[in-house]
Amino acid sequence: MKKQMLAKLIVLGMVAAMLPIAAIAADDKETTDETKCELNCAVDSATEDDRPTRGEKSESTSTTAPATSVTVQTTTNASGQVVASTAVTATMSGSTATVTMSADALASLATQSANSDIIVLEVAASSSATEVVLNVPAAALVDLATKTGADLVVSSSVANITLSNADLLAIAGSATNVQVSAKVVDGKIQILVAADGKAVTDIPGGLVVAVPATEGASAFQVADDGTETEIEDAVFADGNLTLTLFSSATIRIG
């Protein structure tokens, strides 16, 4: 009997000892459940607040770049021709000034120059530039030439290069990109008109080129082998020597 009573007392003691632990565990469980609820409710609330209502679109951070346009000034020259001029900014890399005109810019130019006889692109570049390069999309150039009927002048401190309207159409008509450039190399000037990177060697209407010179200077066309041929019809006026080429070429003024 005493043994049975002793056993019951031992069991009751063990149960009593376990009660605080169970209570703590229960409290921890309630705290965990509350924390989970708080976190889940916060997430659900934030998600619900951020979610656009039916029929609404969420805001987009992307922006559309505005269409490129140019500013044109129109004058009339001594021959009565209407001249439309626009300044184009070049990007400098060393001594090379590069202008890349977009189709939008050329379309804007075409609209504003519809009644012009001559279109002048004035390249705004550093005075230290010894090479000036103009890149234009050929299709937009064809559109410009068709809508205006004008000749194109690329004007820079290295050289002024004029292409007739007919030559513009012929050169750009079968190309993707057209490049016009003038580069000073070892005292010579390389005049280049290229279609898709290939130099144009046949310009029927003539490429009129004006380069800085002193009165009395002569112009020479330099062949690949270094042979020089004087360009006899070169004319000096207003600090420039103007001559006509019928292909991309290298010239020397002396």
Protein backbone atom coordinates (compact mmCIF):
# COMPACT_ATOMS: atom_id res chain seq x y z
CA MET A 1 0.00 0.00 0.00
CA LYS A 2 2.80 2.36 0.88
CA LYS A 3 4.52 1.49 -2.36
CA GLN A 4 1.39 2.32 -4.39
CA MET A 5 0.99 5.65 -2.60
CA LEU A 6 4.66 6.48 -3.23
CA ALA A 7 4.27 5.75 -6.94
CA LYS A 8 1.25 8.05 -7.23
CA LEU A 9 3.13 10.85 -5.51
CA ILE A 10 6.04 10.47 -7.92
CA VAL A 11 3.68 10.64 -10.96
CA LEU A 12 1.90 13.70 -9.59
CA GLY A 13 5.27 15.39 -9.04
CA MET A 14 6.34 14.72 -12.62
CA VAL A 15 3.07 16.12 -13.98
CA ALA A 16 3.40 19.24 -11.87
CA ALA A 17 6.95 19.73 -13.09
CA MET A 18 5.86 19.55 -16.75
CA LEU A 19 3.06 22.13 -16.46
CA PRO A 20 5.26 25.29 -16.78
CA ILE A 21 7.02 23.86 -19.81
CA ALA A 22 3.69 23.12 -21.51
CA ALA A 23 2.47 26.60 -20.70
CA ILE A 24 5.60 28.17 -22.13
CA ALA A 25 5.29 26.06 -25.26
CA ALA A 26 1.67 27.09 -25.63
CA ASP A 27 2.62 30.74 -25.20
CA ASP A 28 5.40 30.39 -27.80
CA LYS A 29 2.98 28.77 -30.23
CA GLU A 30 0.46 31.58 -29.76
CA THR A 31 3.22 34.18 -30.22
CA THR A 32 4.47 32.43 -33.39
CA ASP A 33 0.95 32.21 -34.76
CA GLU A 34 0.38 35.88 -34.01
CA THR A 35 3.67 36.86 -35.66
CA LYS A 36 2.85 34.79 -38.73
CA CYS A 37 -0.55 36.40 -38.90
CA GLU A 38 0.90 39.87 -38.56
CA LEU A 39 3.47 39.22 -41.30
CA ASN A 40 0.99 37.57 -43.63
CA CYS A 41 -1.60 40.26 -43.05
CA ALA A 42 0.99 42.97 -43.75
CA VAL A 43 2.08 41.26 -46.96
CA ASP A 44 -1.51 40.69 -48.03
CA SER A 45 -2.34 44.32 -47.23
CA ALA A 46 0.65 45.68 -49.15
CA THR A 47 -0.06 43.39 -52.10
CA GLU A 48 -3.69 44.43 -52.10
CA ASP A 49 -2.76 48.14 -51.95
CA ASP A 50 -0.22 47.85 -54.78
CA ARG A 51 -2.46 45.75 -57.00
CA PRO A 52 -4.26 47.88 -59.63
CA THR A 53 -8.01 47.65 -59.55
CA ARG A 54 -9.86 46.06 -62.43
CA GLY A 55 -9.86 48.27 -65.49
CA GLU A 56 -6.78 50.24 -64.35
CA LYS A 57 -3.26 49.96 -65.79
CA SER A 58 -0.17 50.07 -63.64
CA GLU A 59 2.14 53.02 -64.24
CA SER A 60 5.06 52.54 -66.62
CA THR A 61 8.42 54.22 -66.14
CA SER A 62 9.41 53.96 -69.82
CA THR A 63 9.40 57.11 -71.92
CA THR A 64 9.26 57.71 -75.63
CA ALA A 65 12.01 59.87 -77.09
CA PRO A 66 10.68 62.91 -78.94
CA ALA A 67 11.01 63.00 -82.72
CA THR A 68 14.18 64.62 -83.97
CA SER A 69 13.75 67.89 -85.87
CA VAL A 70 15.98 70.60 -87.26
CA THR A 71 15.82 74.38 -87.37
CA VAL A 72 16.05 75.84 -90.88
CA GLN A 73 16.95 79.37 -91.94
CA THR A 74 16.04 80.42 -95.47
CA THR A 75 17.80 83.08 -97.53
CA THR A 76 18.17 84.01 -101.18
CA ASN A 77 21.65 84.11 -102.76
CA ALA A 78 23.02 86.47 -105.39
CA SER A 79 21.79 84.18 -108.17
CA GLY A 80 18.22 84.32 -106.85
CA GLN A 81 18.30 80.77 -105.51
CA VAL A 82 16.51 79.94 -102.28
CA VAL A 83 18.99 78.51 -99.77
CA ALA A 84 17.83 76.54 -96.72
CA SER A 85 20.52 76.16 -94.05
CA THR A 86 20.59 74.14 -90.86
CA ALA A 87 23.36 73.59 -88.31
CA VAL A 88 24.18 69.99 -87.43
CA THR A 89 26.26 69.19 -84.36
CA ALA A 90 29.21 66.85 -84.68
CA THR A 91 30.61 64.41 -82.13
CA MET A 92 34.36 64.74 -81.72
CA SER A 93 36.69 61.76 -81.43
CA GLY A 94 40.28 62.94 -81.55
CA SER A 95 40.45 65.18 -84.60
CA THR A 96 37.45 63.56 -86.32
CA ALA A 97 34.05 65.26 -86.26
CA THR A 98 31.17 62.93 -87.06
CA VAL A 99 27.57 63.85 -87.77
CA THR A 100 24.91 61.14 -87.96
CA MET A 101 21.54 62.43 -89.09
CA SER A 102 18.38 60.46 -88.39
CA ALA A 103 15.55 59.83 -90.81
CA ASP A 104 13.34 62.05 -88.61
CA ALA A 105 15.80 64.94 -88.92
CA LEU A 106 15.94 64.58 -92.70
CA ALA A 107 12.13 64.40 -92.88
CA SER A 108 11.90 67.61 -90.85
CA LEU A 109 14.46 69.21 -93.16
CA ALA A 110 12.53 68.10 -96.24
CA THR A 111 9.29 69.62 -94.93
CA GLN A 112 10.89 72.97 -94.14
CA SER A 113 12.93 73.12 -97.35
CA ALA A 114 10.23 72.17 -99.84
CA ASN A 115 10.67 75.36 -101.89
CA SER A 116 14.47 75.54 -101.71
CA ASP A 117 17.02 75.25 -104.50
CA ILE A 118 19.96 74.51 -102.24
CA ILE A 119 20.10 72.80 -98.82
CA VAL A 120 23.17 73.48 -96.68
CA LEU A 121 24.17 71.28 -93.74
CA GLU A 122 26.50 73.41 -91.64
CA VAL A 123 28.66 71.07 -89.57
CA ALA A 124 29.34 72.61 -86.17
CA ALA A 125 32.65 71.11 -85.06
CA SER A 126 35.81 72.03 -83.20
CA SER A 127 38.32 74.14 -85.13
CA SER A 128 40.86 71.38 -84.43
CA ALA A 129 38.94 68.91 -86.60
CA THR A 130 40.96 67.65 -89.56
CA GLU A 131 38.26 65.21 -90.67
CA VAL A 132 34.52 65.78 -91.01
CA VAL A 133 32.16 62.86 -91.65
CA LEU A 134 28.43 62.98 -92.40
CA ASN A 135 26.36 59.78 -92.23
CA VAL A 136 22.75 59.75 -93.48
CA PRO A 137 20.20 57.00 -94.16
CA ALA A 138 19.90 56.64 -97.93
CA ALA A 139 16.10 56.24 -98.07
CA ALA A 140 15.59 59.48 -96.15
CA LEU A 141 18.10 61.20 -98.43
CA VAL A 142 16.14 60.06 -101.49
CA ASP A 143 12.98 61.42 -99.87
CA LEU A 144 14.71 64.75 -99.22
CA ALA A 145 15.98 64.99 -102.82
CA THR A 146 12.58 64.02 -104.26
CA LYS A 147 10.49 66.41 -102.19
CA THR A 148 12.75 69.44 -102.57
CA GLY A 149 14.53 69.02 -105.91
CA ALA A 150 17.44 70.79 -104.19
CA ASP A 151 21.19 70.31 -104.36
CA LEU A 152 22.93 69.39 -101.08
CA VAL A 153 25.93 71.19 -99.59
CA VAL A 154 27.93 69.74 -96.68
CA SER A 155 29.75 72.73 -95.23
CA SER A 156 32.65 72.48 -92.77
CA SER A 157 35.97 74.05 -91.91
CA VAL A 158 37.76 71.36 -93.95
CA ALA A 159 35.76 71.70 -97.17
CA ASN A 160 32.39 72.57 -98.68
CA ILE A 161 31.07 69.69 -100.78
CA THR A 162 28.10 70.10 -103.15
CA LEU A 163 26.13 67.24 -104.67
CA SER A 164 23.53 67.90 -107.36
CA ASN A 165 19.98 66.70 -106.84
CA ALA A 166 20.27 64.19 -109.67
CA ASP A 167 23.47 62.72 -108.23
CA LEU A 168 21.88 62.49 -104.77
CA LEU A 169 19.07 60.39 -106.20
CA ALA A 170 21.44 58.20 -108.21
CA ILE A 171 23.85 57.57 -105.32
CA ALA A 172 21.28 57.03 -102.57
CA GLY A 173 18.72 55.19 -104.71
CA SER A 174 20.37 51.80 -104.42
CA ALA A 175 22.08 52.19 -101.03
CA THR A 176 21.26 51.84 -97.35
CA ASN A 177 23.62 54.49 -96.00
CA VAL A 178 25.43 57.42 -97.63
CA GLN A 179 28.57 59.04 -96.27
CA VAL A 180 30.16 62.34 -97.27
CA SER A 181 33.53 63.25 -95.77
CA ALA A 182 36.57 65.47 -96.10
CA LYS A 183 39.89 64.61 -94.44
CA VAL A 184 43.26 66.37 -94.32
CA VAL A 185 46.16 63.91 -94.63
CA ASP A 186 49.79 64.97 -95.11
CA GLY A 187 48.82 68.30 -96.63
CA LYS A 188 46.30 66.74 -98.97
CA ILE A 189 42.50 66.61 -98.71
CA GLN A 190 40.59 63.40 -99.27
CA ILE A 191 37.08 64.04 -100.60
CA LEU A 192 34.85 61.00 -100.23
CA VAL A 193 31.28 60.20 -101.18
CA ALA A 194 30.46 56.61 -100.27
CA ALA A 195 27.42 54.35 -100.63
CA ASP A 196 27.32 51.55 -98.07
CA GLY A 197 31.01 52.08 -97.35
CA LYS A 198 32.13 51.96 -100.99
CA ALA A 199 33.59 55.08 -102.60
CA VAL A 200 31.52 56.49 -105.47
CA THR A 201 33.77 56.78 -108.53
CA ASP A 202 31.25 58.11 -111.04
CA ILE A 203 29.50 61.41 -110.29
CA PRO A 204 28.16 62.62 -113.68
CA GLY A 205 26.95 66.03 -112.48
CA GLY A 206 30.26 66.76 -110.81
CA LEU A 207 31.19 67.15 -107.17
CA VAL A 208 31.77 70.85 -106.49
CA VAL A 209 34.37 71.29 -103.76
CA ALA A 210 35.49 74.53 -102.11
CA VAL A 211 38.55 74.45 -99.83
CA PRO A 212 40.41 77.20 -97.93
CA ALA A 213 43.26 78.63 -100.01
CA THR A 214 45.24 81.77 -100.71
CA GLU A 215 44.94 83.80 -103.89
CA GLY A 216 47.10 82.42 -106.68
CA ALA A 217 46.98 78.85 -105.36
CA SER A 218 46.45 75.91 -107.71
CA ALA A 219 44.59 72.63 -107.21
CA PHE A 220 45.88 69.19 -108.15
CA GLN A 221 44.13 65.82 -108.20
CA VAL A 222 46.35 63.11 -106.73
CA ALA A 223 46.15 59.57 -108.12
CA ASP A 224 46.69 56.43 -106.01
CA ASP A 225 50.26 56.16 -107.33
CA GLY A 226 51.01 59.75 -106.28
CA THR A 227 50.76 61.23 -109.77
CA GLU A 228 49.31 64.76 -109.74
CA THR A 229 47.13 66.40 -112.37
CA GLU A 230 46.31 70.09 -112.21
CA ILE A 231 42.62 70.95 -112.03
CA GLU A 232 42.52 73.79 -114.50
CA ASP A 233 39.02 75.14 -113.87
CA ALA A 234 39.65 75.87 -110.17
CA VAL A 235 38.44 79.37 -109.23
CA PHE A 236 39.55 81.46 -106.24
CA ALA A 237 37.06 83.69 -104.39
CA ASP A 238 36.50 84.81 -100.81
CA GLY A 239 39.37 82.77 -99.37
CA ASN A 240 38.32 79.52 -101.05
CA LEU A 241 39.43 77.64 -104.12
CA THR A 242 36.44 76.02 -105.85
CA LEU A 243 36.89 73.09 -108.21
CA THR A 244 34.89 70.24 -109.72
CA LEU A 245 35.54 66.50 -109.30
CA PHE A 246 33.72 63.66 -111.00
CA SER A 247 34.48 61.01 -108.40
CA SER A 248 35.72 60.67 -104.85
CA ALA A 249 39.30 61.87 -104.97
CA THR A 250 42.35 63.27 -103.16
CA ILE A 251 43.39 66.81 -103.95
CA ARG A 252 46.30 69.02 -103.05
CA ILE A 253 46.30 72.80 -102.88
CA GLY A 254 49.61 74.49 -103.62
